[in-house]
């Protein structure tokens, strides 16, 4: 899982990746410049928590992301894609097999 620490404009200040147990390092939020903690994972809906409610408290946060993936089944063939670009609301994929270079753009609604 990814953790993005964001400012008021939702610009990324810093980010973390969880360990094998799904845990992040301990964070100290000491400045009101930090406004959001956003948890995300590919194929899941992201969750954004306002950080201002956490100032002055020792808090443990447990996050369960809901699946947002669309399942496609093709029993005859597997298609592999490379993630070429990723942003908060867009994921661009490029096919790794086949004669034609196929690309897919997934947008978050």
PDB file of N, CA and C in Angstrom:
ATOM      1  N   UNK A   1       0.846  -1.162   0.000  1.00  0.00           N
ATOM      2  CA  UNK A   1       0.000   0.000   0.000  1.00  0.00           C
ATOM      3  C   UNK A   1       0.898   1.233   0.000  1.00  0.00           C
ATOM      4  N   UNK A   2       0.404   2.302  -0.587  1.00  0.00           N
ATOM      5  CA  UNK A   2       1.131   3.565  -0.642  1.00  0.00           C
ATOM      6  C   UNK A   2       0.485   4.565   0.302  1.00  0.00           C
ATOM      7  N   UNK A   3       1.306   5.412   0.890  1.00  0.00           N
ATOM      8  CA  UNK A   3       0.832   6.509   1.721  1.00  0.00           C
ATOM      9  C   UNK A   3       1.412   7.792   1.167  1.00  0.00           C
ATOM     10  N   UNK A   4       0.538   8.708   0.758  1.00  0.00           N
ATOM     11  CA  UNK A   4       0.964  10.006   0.276  1.00  0.00           C
ATOM     12  C   UNK A   4       0.624  11.041   1.335  1.00  0.00           C
ATOM     13  N   UNK A   5       1.612  11.828   1.719  1.00  0.00           N
ATOM     14  CA  UNK A   5       1.412  12.932   2.646  1.00  0.00           C
ATOM     15  C   UNK A   5       1.277  14.175   1.774  1.00  0.00           C
ATOM     16  N   UNK A   6       0.118  14.865   1.895  1.00  0.00           N
ATOM     17  CA  UNK A   6      -0.202  15.948   0.964  1.00  0.00           C
ATOM     18  C   UNK A   6      -0.493  17.253   1.686  1.00  0.00           C
ATOM     19  N   UNK A   7      -0.287  18.364   0.947  1.00  0.00           N
ATOM     20  CA  UNK A   7      -0.589  19.685   1.485  1.00  0.00           C
ATOM     21  C   UNK A   7      -2.023  20.078   1.143  1.00  0.00           C
ATOM     22  N   UNK A   8      -2.374  21.340   1.400  1.00  0.00           N
ATOM     23  CA  UNK A   8      -3.748  21.830   1.194  1.00  0.00           C
ATOM     24  C   UNK A   8      -4.216  21.667  -0.249  1.00  0.00           C
ATOM     25  N   UNK A   9      -3.297  21.850  -1.212  1.00  0.00           N
ATOM     26  CA  UNK A   9      -3.636  21.727  -2.632  1.00  0.00           C
ATOM     27  C   UNK A   9      -3.579  20.286  -3.119  1.00  0.00           C
ATOM     28  N   UNK A  10      -3.391  19.353  -2.190  1.00  0.00           N
ATOM     29  CA  UNK A  10      -3.267  17.918  -2.481  1.00  0.00           C
ATOM     30  C   UNK A  10      -2.004  17.601  -3.282  1.00  0.00           C
ATOM     31  N   UNK A  11      -0.995  18.478  -3.194  1.00  0.00           N
ATOM     32  CA  UNK A  11       0.306  18.182  -3.797  1.00  0.00           C
ATOM     33  C   UNK A  11       1.081  17.305  -2.823  1.00  0.00           C
ATOM     34  N   UNK A  12       1.828  16.355  -3.378  1.00  0.00           N
ATOM     35  CA  UNK A  12       2.548  15.387  -2.559  1.00  0.00           C
ATOM     36  C   UNK A  12       3.747  16.052  -1.885  1.00  0.00           C
ATOM     37  N   UNK A  13       3.818  15.918  -0.570  1.00  0.00           N
ATOM     38  CA  UNK A  13       4.944  16.405   0.214  1.00  0.00           C
ATOM     39  C   UNK A  13       5.980  15.299   0.352  1.00  0.00           C
ATOM     40  N   UNK A  14       5.523  14.106   0.662  1.00  0.00           N
ATOM     41  CA  UNK A  14       6.370  12.920   0.757  1.00  0.00           C
ATOM     42  C   UNK A  14       5.484  11.686   0.623  1.00  0.00           C
ATOM     43  N   UNK A  15       6.095  10.543   0.459  1.00  0.00           N
ATOM     44  CA  UNK A  15       5.326   9.314   0.312  1.00  0.00           C
ATOM     45  C   UNK A  15       6.054   8.130   0.916  1.00  0.00           C
ATOM     46  N   UNK A  16       5.305   7.100   1.214  1.00  0.00           N
ATOM     47  CA  UNK A  16       5.851   5.889   1.822  1.00  0.00           C
ATOM     48  C   UNK A  16       5.190   4.669   1.197  1.00  0.00           C
ATOM     49  N   UNK A  17       5.882   3.546   1.244  1.00  0.00           N
ATOM     50  CA  UNK A  17       5.340   2.253   0.841  1.00  0.00           C
ATOM     51  C   UNK A  17       5.348   1.365   2.079  1.00  0.00           C
ATOM     52  N   UNK A  18       4.262   0.642   2.296  1.00  0.00           N
ATOM     53  CA  UNK A  18       4.169  -0.202   3.489  1.00  0.00           C
ATOM     54  C   UNK A  18       5.140  -1.372   3.403  1.00  0.00           C
ATOM     55  N   UNK A  19       5.455  -1.937   4.563  1.00  0.00           N
ATOM     56  CA  UNK A  19       6.306  -3.127   4.599  1.00  0.00           C
ATOM     57  C   UNK A  19       5.452  -4.368   4.303  1.00  0.00           C
ATOM     58  N   UNK A  20       6.033  -5.548   4.434  1.00  0.00           N
ATOM     59  CA  UNK A  20       5.326  -6.793   4.121  1.00  0.00           C
ATOM     60  C   UNK A  20       4.111  -7.027   5.021  1.00  0.00           C
ATOM     61  N   UNK A  21       4.096  -6.398   6.200  1.00  0.00           N
ATOM     62  CA  UNK A  21       2.963  -6.536   7.119  1.00  0.00           C
ATOM     63  C   UNK A  21       1.908  -5.462   6.894  1.00  0.00           C
ATOM     64  N   UNK A  22       2.126  -4.592   5.888  1.00  0.00           N
ATOM     65  CA  UNK A  22       1.179  -3.522   5.596  1.00  0.00           C
ATOM     66  C   UNK A  22       1.312  -2.327   6.516  1.00  0.00           C
ATOM     67  N   UNK A  23       2.466  -2.204   7.182  1.00  0.00           N
ATOM     68  CA  UNK A  23       2.664  -1.120   8.139  1.00  0.00           C
ATOM     69  C   UNK A  23       3.599  -0.065   7.577  1.00  0.00           C
ATOM     70  N   UNK A  24       3.408   1.167   8.035  1.00  0.00           N
ATOM     71  CA  UNK A  24       4.245   2.287   7.650  1.00  0.00           C
ATOM     72  C   UNK A  24       5.099   2.710   8.834  1.00  0.00           C
ATOM     73  N   UNK A  25       6.159   3.484   8.584  1.00  0.00           N
ATOM     74  CA  UNK A  25       6.944   3.991   9.715  1.00  0.00           C
ATOM     75  C   UNK A  25       6.102   4.969  10.535  1.00  0.00           C
ATOM     76  N   UNK A  26       6.478   5.169  11.781  1.00  0.00           N
ATOM     77  CA  UNK A  26       5.769   6.122  12.633  1.00  0.00           C
ATOM     78  C   UNK A  26       5.973   7.524  12.079  1.00  0.00           C
ATOM     79  N   UNK A  27       4.898   8.285  11.992  1.00  0.00           N
ATOM     80  CA  UNK A  27       4.950   9.648  11.471  1.00  0.00           C
ATOM     81  C   UNK A  27       4.645  10.639  12.579  1.00  0.00           C
ATOM     82  N   UNK A  28       5.332  11.770  12.548  1.00  0.00           N
ATOM     83  CA  UNK A  28       5.023  12.875  13.446  1.00  0.00           C
ATOM     84  C   UNK A  28       4.516  14.025  12.601  1.00  0.00           C
ATOM     85  N   UNK A  29       3.259  14.358  12.776  1.00  0.00           N
ATOM     86  CA  UNK A  29       2.670  15.475  12.044  1.00  0.00           C
ATOM     87  C   UNK A  29       2.714  16.671  12.983  1.00  0.00           C
ATOM     88  N   UNK A  30       3.597  17.587  12.703  1.00  0.00           N
ATOM     89  CA  UNK A  30       3.837  18.709  13.602  1.00  0.00           C
ATOM     90  C   UNK A  30       3.615  20.062  12.934  1.00  0.00           C
ATOM     91  N   UNK A  31       3.202  20.065  11.689  1.00  0.00           N
ATOM     92  CA  UNK A  31       3.051  21.304  10.942  1.00  0.00           C
ATOM     93  C   UNK A  31       1.720  21.281  10.199  1.00  0.00           C
ATOM     94  N   UNK A  32       0.995  22.393  10.233  1.00  0.00           N
ATOM     95  CA  UNK A  32      -0.294  22.460   9.543  1.00  0.00           C
ATOM     96  C   UNK A  32      -0.150  22.496   8.026  1.00  0.00           C
ATOM     97  N   UNK A  33       1.085  22.493   7.534  1.00  0.00           N
ATOM     98  CA  UNK A  33       1.316  22.377   6.093  1.00  0.00           C
ATOM     99  C   UNK A  33       0.817  21.016   5.595  1.00  0.00           C
ATOM    100  N   UNK A  34       0.935  20.000   6.449  1.00  0.00           N
ATOM    101  CA  UNK A  34       0.437  18.663   6.119  1.00  0.00           C
ATOM    102  C   UNK A  34      -1.066  18.658   6.366  1.00  0.00           C
ATOM    103  N   UNK A  35      -1.853  18.389   5.312  1.00  0.00           N
ATOM    104  CA  UNK A  35      -3.305  18.442   5.428  1.00  0.00           C
ATOM    105  C   UNK A  35      -4.002  17.107   5.197  1.00  0.00           C
ATOM    106  N   UNK A  36      -3.381  16.218   4.421  1.00  0.00           N
ATOM    107  CA  UNK A  36      -4.048  14.950   4.081  1.00  0.00           C
ATOM    108  C   UNK A  36      -3.072  13.779   4.135  1.00  0.00           C
ATOM    109  N   UNK A  37      -3.582  12.633   4.562  1.00  0.00           N
ATOM    110  CA  UNK A  37      -2.895  11.350   4.444  1.00  0.00           C
ATOM    111  C   UNK A  37      -3.748  10.535   3.474  1.00  0.00           C
ATOM    112  N   UNK A  38      -3.166  10.178   2.335  1.00  0.00           N
ATOM    113  CA  UNK A  38      -3.912   9.457   1.312  1.00  0.00           C
ATOM    114  C   UNK A  38      -3.318   8.060   1.141  1.00  0.00           C
ATOM    115  N   UNK A  39      -4.147   7.048   1.332  1.00  0.00           N
ATOM    116  CA  UNK A  39      -3.743   5.653   1.205  1.00  0.00           C
ATOM    117  C   UNK A  39      -4.268   5.123  -0.123  1.00  0.00           C
ATOM    118  N   UNK A  40      -3.412   4.424  -0.868  1.00  0.00           N
ATOM    119  CA  UNK A  40      -3.843   3.914  -2.172  1.00  0.00           C
ATOM    120  C   UNK A  40      -3.129   2.617  -2.506  1.00  0.00           C
ATOM    121  N   UNK A  41      -3.741   1.912  -3.449  1.00  0.00           N
ATOM    122  CA  UNK A  41      -3.158   0.691  -3.999  1.00  0.00           C
ATOM    123  C   UNK A  41      -3.812   0.469  -5.351  1.00  0.00           C
ATOM    124  N   UNK A  42      -3.058  -0.014  -6.318  1.00  0.00           N
ATOM    125  CA  UNK A  42      -3.601  -0.257  -7.651  1.00  0.00           C
ATOM    126  C   UNK A  42      -4.752  -1.247  -7.547  1.00  0.00           C
ATOM    127  N   UNK A  43      -5.844  -0.922  -8.180  1.00  0.00           N
ATOM    128  CA  UNK A  43      -7.024  -1.785  -8.157  1.00  0.00           C
ATOM    129  C   UNK A  43      -7.927  -1.533  -6.968  1.00  0.00           C
ATOM    130  N   UNK A  44      -7.613  -0.546  -6.163  1.00  0.00           N
ATOM    131  CA  UNK A  44      -8.436  -0.228  -5.000  1.00  0.00           C
ATOM    132  C   UNK A  44      -8.766   1.257  -4.979  1.00  0.00           C
ATOM    133  N   UNK A  45      -9.871   1.579  -4.343  1.00  0.00           N
ATOM    134  CA  UNK A  45     -10.235   2.987  -4.174  1.00  0.00           C
ATOM    135  C   UNK A  45      -9.322   3.594  -3.118  1.00  0.00           C
ATOM    136  N   UNK A  46      -8.827   4.790  -3.377  1.00  0.00           N
ATOM    137  CA  UNK A  46      -7.973   5.426  -2.392  1.00  0.00           C
ATOM    138  C   UNK A  46      -8.814   6.088  -1.305  1.00  0.00           C
ATOM    139  N   UNK A  47      -8.193   6.246  -0.145  1.00  0.00           N
ATOM    140  CA  UNK A  47      -8.838   6.890   0.994  1.00  0.00           C
ATOM    141  C   UNK A  47      -7.956   8.051   1.422  1.00  0.00           C
ATOM    142  N   UNK A  48      -8.569   9.206   1.617  1.00  0.00           N
ATOM    143  CA  UNK A  48      -7.843  10.390   2.055  1.00  0.00           C
ATOM    144  C   UNK A  48      -8.392  10.813   3.417  1.00  0.00           C
ATOM    145  N   UNK A  49      -7.494  10.969   4.388  1.00  0.00           N
ATOM    146  CA  UNK A  49      -7.874  11.337   5.747  1.00  0.00           C
ATOM    147  C   UNK A  49      -7.329  12.730   6.039  1.00  0.00           C
ATOM    148  N   UNK A  50      -8.182  13.664   6.498  1.00  0.00           N
ATOM    149  CA  UNK A  50      -7.678  14.988   6.870  1.00  0.00           C
ATOM    150  C   UNK A  50      -6.723  14.862   8.056  1.00  0.00           C
ATOM    151  N   UNK A  51      -5.552  15.456   7.942  1.00  0.00           N
ATOM    152  CA  UNK A  51      -4.532  15.322   8.976  1.00  0.00           C
ATOM    153  C   UNK A  51      -4.757  16.273  10.151  1.00  0.00           C
ATOM    154  N   UNK A  52      -5.528  17.337   9.962  1.00  0.00           N
ATOM    155  CA  UNK A  52      -5.696  18.309  11.039  1.00  0.00           C
ATOM    156  C   UNK A  52      -6.361  17.710  12.273  1.00  0.00           C
ATOM    157  N   UNK A  53      -7.151  16.676  12.099  1.00  0.00           N
ATOM    158  CA  UNK A  53      -7.795  16.031  13.248  1.00  0.00           C
ATOM    159  C   UNK A  53      -6.817  15.156  14.036  1.00  0.00           C
ATOM    160  N   UNK A  54      -5.608  14.962  13.516  1.00  0.00           N
ATOM    161  CA  UNK A  54      -4.627  14.096  14.170  1.00  0.00           C
ATOM    162  C   UNK A  54      -3.584  14.878  14.966  1.00  0.00           C
ATOM    163  N   UNK A  55      -3.524  16.207  14.826  1.00  0.00           N
ATOM    164  CA  UNK A  55      -2.528  17.009  15.530  1.00  0.00           C
ATOM    165  C   UNK A  55      -2.690  16.867  17.039  1.00  0.00           C
ATOM    166  N   UNK A  56      -1.569  16.626  17.722  1.00  0.00           N
ATOM    167  CA  UNK A  56      -1.572  16.548  19.178  1.00  0.00           C
ATOM    168  C   UNK A  56      -1.996  15.212  19.744  1.00  0.00           C
ATOM    169  N   UNK A  57      -2.217  14.215  18.908  1.00  0.00           N
ATOM    170  CA  UNK A  57      -2.657  12.903  19.380  1.00  0.00           C
ATOM    171  C   UNK A  57      -1.701  11.811  18.916  1.00  0.00           C
ATOM    172  N   UNK A  58      -1.617  10.780  19.705  1.00  0.00           N
ATOM    173  CA  UNK A  58      -0.913   9.564  19.279  1.00  0.00           C
ATOM    174  C   UNK A  58      -2.005   8.639  18.756  1.00  0.00           C
ATOM    175  N   UNK A  59      -1.953   8.331  17.473  1.00  0.00           N
ATOM    176  CA  UNK A  59      -3.046   7.632  16.822  1.00  0.00           C
ATOM    177  C   UNK A  59      -2.532   6.474  15.987  1.00  0.00           C
ATOM    178  N   UNK A  60      -3.252   5.379  16.015  1.00  0.00           N
ATOM    179  CA  UNK A  60      -2.999   4.281  15.090  1.00  0.00           C
ATOM    180  C   UNK A  60      -4.161   4.258  14.107  1.00  0.00           C
ATOM    181  N   UNK A  61      -3.840   4.191  12.828  1.00  0.00           N
ATOM    182  CA  UNK A  61      -4.865   4.192  11.785  1.00  0.00           C
ATOM    183  C   UNK A  61      -4.839   2.844  11.088  1.00  0.00           C
ATOM    184  N   UNK A  62      -6.000   2.218  10.978  1.00  0.00           N
ATOM    185  CA  UNK A  62      -6.124   0.972  10.232  1.00  0.00           C
ATOM    186  C   UNK A  62      -7.012   1.251   9.031  1.00  0.00           C
ATOM    187  N   UNK A  63      -6.501   0.952   7.830  1.00  0.00           N
ATOM    188  CA  UNK A  63      -7.203   1.277   6.598  1.00  0.00           C
ATOM    189  C   UNK A  63      -7.476  -0.011   5.824  1.00  0.00           C
ATOM    190  N   UNK A  64      -8.715  -0.154   5.354  1.00  0.00           N
ATOM    191  CA  UNK A  64      -9.104  -1.263   4.488  1.00  0.00           C
ATOM    192  C   UNK A  64      -9.639  -0.651   3.204  1.00  0.00           C
ATOM    193  N   UNK A  65      -8.932  -0.849   2.113  1.00  0.00           N
ATOM    194  CA  UNK A  65      -9.354  -0.284   0.836  1.00  0.00           C
ATOM    195  C   UNK A  65     -10.341  -1.215   0.157  1.00  0.00           C
ATOM    196  N   UNK A  66     -11.339  -0.630  -0.491  1.00  0.00           N
ATOM    197  CA  UNK A  66     -12.312  -1.417  -1.243  1.00  0.00           C
ATOM    198  C   UNK A  66     -11.829  -1.585  -2.669  1.00  0.00           C
ATOM    199  N   UNK A  67     -12.089  -2.758  -3.216  1.00  0.00           N
ATOM    200  CA  UNK A  67     -11.669  -3.057  -4.580  1.00  0.00           C
ATOM    201  C   UNK A  67     -12.443  -2.211  -5.574  1.00  0.00           C
ATOM    202  N   UNK A  68     -11.722  -1.681  -6.552  1.00  0.00           N
ATOM    203  CA  UNK A  68     -12.382  -0.909  -7.605  1.00  0.00           C
ATOM    204  C   UNK A  68     -12.028  -1.467  -8.981  1.00  0.00           C
ATOM    205  N   UNK A  69     -11.479  -2.653  -8.997  1.00  0.00           N
ATOM    206  CA  UNK A  69     -11.020  -3.241 -10.255  1.00  0.00           C
ATOM    207  C   UNK A  69     -12.191  -3.799 -11.059  1.00  0.00           C
ATOM    208  N   UNK A  70     -12.043  -3.748 -12.349  1.00  0.00           N
ATOM    209  CA  UNK A  70     -12.979  -4.372 -13.269  1.00  0.00           C
ATOM    210  C   UNK A  70     -12.319  -5.659 -13.754  1.00  0.00           C
ATOM    211  N   UNK A  71     -13.009  -6.753 -13.666  1.00  0.00           N
ATOM    212  CA  UNK A  71     -12.439  -8.037 -14.059  1.00  0.00           C
ATOM    213  C   UNK A  71     -12.738  -8.323 -15.526  1.00  0.00           C
ATOM    214  N   UNK A  72     -11.707  -8.752 -16.240  1.00  0.00           N
ATOM    215  CA  UNK A  72     -11.844  -9.141 -17.644  1.00  0.00           C
ATOM    216  C   UNK A  72     -11.284 -10.538 -17.766  1.00  0.00           C
ATOM    217  N   UNK A  73     -12.053 -11.432 -18.357  1.00  0.00           N
ATOM    218  CA  UNK A  73     -11.619 -12.816 -18.482  1.00  0.00           C
ATOM    219  C   UNK A  73     -11.472 -13.174 -19.953  1.00  0.00           C
ATOM    220  N   UNK A  74     -10.307 -13.682 -20.318  1.00  0.00           N
ATOM    221  CA  UNK A  74     -10.039 -14.125 -21.677  1.00  0.00           C
ATOM    222  C   UNK A  74      -9.309 -15.462 -21.561  1.00  0.00           C
ATOM    223  N   UNK A  75     -10.017 -16.598 -21.685  1.00  0.00           N
ATOM    224  CA  UNK A  75      -9.404 -17.897 -21.446  1.00  0.00           C
ATOM    225  C   UNK A  75      -8.385 -18.306 -22.515  1.00  0.00           C
ATOM    226  N   UNK A  76      -8.408 -17.682 -23.684  1.00  0.00           N
ATOM    227  CA  UNK A  76      -7.534 -18.089 -24.771  1.00  0.00           C
ATOM    228  C   UNK A  76      -6.165 -17.434 -24.737  1.00  0.00           C
ATOM    229  N   UNK A  77      -6.052 -16.301 -24.077  1.00  0.00           N
ATOM    230  CA  UNK A  77      -4.798 -15.570 -24.197  1.00  0.00           C
ATOM    231  C   UNK A  77      -4.613 -14.651 -23.004  1.00  0.00           C
ATOM    232  N   UNK A  78      -3.364 -14.449 -22.639  1.00  0.00           N
ATOM    233  CA  UNK A  78      -3.023 -13.483 -21.604  1.00  0.00           C
ATOM    234  C   UNK A  78      -2.395 -12.278 -22.278  1.00  0.00           C
ATOM    235  N   UNK A  79      -2.736 -11.115 -21.803  1.00  0.00           N
ATOM    236  CA  UNK A  79      -2.158  -9.878 -22.317  1.00  0.00           C
ATOM    237  C   UNK A  79      -1.450  -9.191 -21.162  1.00  0.00           C
ATOM    238  N   UNK A  80      -0.202  -8.861 -21.358  1.00  0.00           N
ATOM    239  CA  UNK A  80       0.592  -8.207 -20.330  1.00  0.00           C
ATOM    240  C   UNK A  80       0.765  -6.738 -20.678  1.00  0.00           C
ATOM    241  N   UNK A  81       0.642  -5.902 -19.670  1.00  0.00           N
ATOM    242  CA  UNK A  81       0.783  -4.464 -19.857  1.00  0.00           C
ATOM    243  C   UNK A  81       1.849  -3.909 -18.931  1.00  0.00           C
ATOM    244  N   UNK A  82       2.488  -2.861 -19.393  1.00  0.00           N
ATOM    245  CA  UNK A  82       3.476  -2.134 -18.620  1.00  0.00           C
ATOM    246  C   UNK A  82       2.849  -0.803 -18.215  1.00  0.00           C
ATOM    247  N   UNK A  83       2.958  -0.443 -16.946  1.00  0.00           N
ATOM    248  CA  UNK A  83       2.458   0.860 -16.502  1.00  0.00           C
ATOM    249  C   UNK A  83       3.465   1.906 -16.971  1.00  0.00           C
ATOM    250  N   UNK A  84       3.028   2.788 -17.868  1.00  0.00           N
ATOM    251  CA  UNK A  84       3.930   3.796 -18.426  1.00  0.00           C
ATOM    252  C   UNK A  84       3.821   5.132 -17.718  1.00  0.00           C
ATOM    253  N   UNK A  85       2.668   5.417 -17.127  1.00  0.00           N
ATOM    254  CA  UNK A  85       2.495   6.676 -16.405  1.00  0.00           C
ATOM    255  C   UNK A  85       1.396   6.496 -15.379  1.00  0.00           C
ATOM    256  N   UNK A  86       1.613   7.068 -14.181  1.00  0.00           N
ATOM    257  CA  UNK A  86       0.614   6.964 -13.117  1.00  0.00           C
ATOM    258  C   UNK A  86       0.484   8.314 -12.437  1.00  0.00           C
ATOM    259  N   UNK A  87      -0.736   8.743 -12.241  1.00  0.00           N
ATOM    260  CA  UNK A  87      -1.004   9.944 -11.471  1.00  0.00           C
ATOM    261  C   UNK A  87      -2.162   9.641 -10.536  1.00  0.00           C
ATOM    262  N   UNK A  88      -2.619  10.642  -9.805  1.00  0.00           N
ATOM    263  CA  UNK A  88      -3.702  10.416  -8.842  1.00  0.00           C
ATOM    264  C   UNK A  88      -4.987   9.948  -9.504  1.00  0.00           C
ATOM    265  N   UNK A  89      -5.265  10.400 -10.712  1.00  0.00           N
ATOM    266  CA  UNK A  89      -6.541  10.073 -11.333  1.00  0.00           C
ATOM    267  C   UNK A  89      -6.399   9.380 -12.681  1.00  0.00           C
ATOM    268  N   UNK A  90      -5.198   8.923 -13.026  1.00  0.00           N
ATOM    269  CA  UNK A  90      -5.006   8.334 -14.351  1.00  0.00           C
ATOM    270  C   UNK A  90      -3.891   7.287 -14.306  1.00  0.00           C
ATOM    271  N   UNK A  91      -4.117   6.194 -15.015  1.00  0.00           N
ATOM    272  CA  UNK A  91      -3.131   5.122 -15.131  1.00  0.00           C
ATOM    273  C   UNK A  91      -3.024   4.768 -16.606  1.00  0.00           C
ATOM    274  N   UNK A  92      -1.828   4.865 -17.176  1.00  0.00           N
ATOM    275  CA  UNK A  92      -1.629   4.542 -18.586  1.00  0.00           C
ATOM    276  C   UNK A  92      -0.867   3.225 -18.691  1.00  0.00           C
ATOM    277  N   UNK A  93      -1.408   2.311 -19.503  1.00  0.00           N
ATOM    278  CA  UNK A  93      -0.827   0.989 -19.692  1.00  0.00           C
ATOM    279  C   UNK A  93      -0.464   0.801 -21.157  1.00  0.00           C
ATOM    280  N   UNK A  94       0.629   0.071 -21.427  1.00  0.00           N
ATOM    281  CA  UNK A  94       1.046  -0.223 -22.790  1.00  0.00           C
ATOM    282  C   UNK A  94       1.237  -1.732 -22.909  1.00  0.00           C
ATOM    283  N   UNK A  95       0.713  -2.319 -23.971  1.00  0.00           N
ATOM    284  CA  UNK A  95       0.788  -3.755 -24.176  1.00  0.00           C
ATOM    285  C   UNK A  95       2.237  -4.185 -24.388  1.00  0.00           C
ATOM    286  N   UNK A  96       2.601  -5.333 -23.809  1.00  0.00           N
ATOM    287  CA  UNK A  96       3.942  -5.878 -23.970  1.00  0.00           C
ATOM    288  C   UNK A  96       4.004  -6.998 -24.999  1.00  0.00           C
ATOM    289  N   UNK A  97       2.855  -7.421 -25.515  1.00  0.00           N
ATOM    290  CA  UNK A  97       2.824  -8.514 -26.494  1.00  0.00           C
ATOM    291  C   UNK A  97       1.998  -8.113 -27.695  1.00  0.00           C
ATOM    292  N   UNK A  98       2.178  -8.840 -28.770  1.00  0.00           N
ATOM    293  CA  UNK A  98       1.387  -8.594 -29.973  1.00  0.00           C
ATOM    294  C   UNK A  98       2.107  -7.695 -30.958  1.00  0.00           C
ATOM    295  N   UNK A  99       1.648  -7.754 -32.190  1.00  0.00           N
ATOM    296  CA  UNK A  99       2.265  -6.961 -33.245  1.00  0.00           C
ATOM    297  C   UNK A  99       1.899  -5.489 -33.134  1.00  0.00           C
ATOM    298  N   UNK A 100       0.674  -5.232 -32.686  1.00  0.00           N
ATOM    299  CA  UNK A 100       0.243  -3.848 -32.551  1.00  0.00           C
ATOM    300  C   UNK A 100       0.526  -3.368 -31.134  1.00  0.00           C
ATOM    301  N   UNK A 101       1.027  -2.157 -31.035  1.00  0.00           N
ATOM    302  CA  UNK A 101       1.232  -1.580 -29.720  1.00  0.00           C
ATOM    303  C   UNK A 101      -0.099  -1.009 -29.237  1.00  0.00           C
ATOM    304  N   UNK A 102      -0.670  -1.677 -28.280  1.00  0.00           N
ATOM    305  CA  UNK A 102      -1.958  -1.274 -27.745  1.00  0.00           C
ATOM    306  C   UNK A 102      -1.729  -0.564 -26.412  1.00  0.00           C
ATOM    307  N   UNK A 103      -2.398   0.549 -26.213  1.00  0.00           N
ATOM    308  CA  UNK A 103      -2.301   1.241 -24.936  1.00  0.00           C
ATOM    309  C   UNK A 103      -3.701   1.466 -24.381  1.00  0.00           C
ATOM    310  N   UNK A 104      -3.780   1.489 -23.054  1.00  0.00           N
ATOM    311  CA  UNK A 104      -5.037   1.677 -22.363  1.00  0.00           C
ATOM    312  C   UNK A 104      -4.829   2.804 -21.342  1.00  0.00           C
ATOM    313  N   UNK A 105      -5.814   3.678 -21.260  1.00  0.00           N
ATOM    314  CA  UNK A 105      -5.780   4.741 -20.262  1.00  0.00           C
ATOM    315  C   UNK A 105      -6.962   4.527 -19.327  1.00  0.00           C
ATOM    316  N   UNK A 106      -6.679   4.348 -18.043  1.00  0.00           N
ATOM    317  CA  UNK A 106      -7.721   4.185 -17.027  1.00  0.00           C
ATOM    318  C   UNK A 106      -7.823   5.484 -16.260  1.00  0.00           C
ATOM    319  N   UNK A 107      -9.031   6.011 -16.143  1.00  0.00           N
ATOM    320  CA  UNK A 107      -9.257   7.264 -15.429  1.00  0.00           C
ATOM    321  C   UNK A 107     -10.130   7.020 -14.214  1.00  0.00           C
ATOM    322  N   UNK A 108      -9.809   7.679 -13.136  1.00  0.00           N
ATOM    323  CA  UNK A 108     -10.578   7.575 -11.915  1.00  0.00           C
ATOM    324  C   UNK A 108     -11.782   8.503 -12.014  1.00  0.00           C
ATOM    325  N   UNK A 109     -12.942   8.008 -11.677  1.00  0.00           N
ATOM    326  CA  UNK A 109     -14.163   8.817 -11.735  1.00  0.00           C
ATOM    327  C   UNK A 109     -14.423   9.522 -10.446  1.00  0.00           C
TER     328      UNK A 109
END
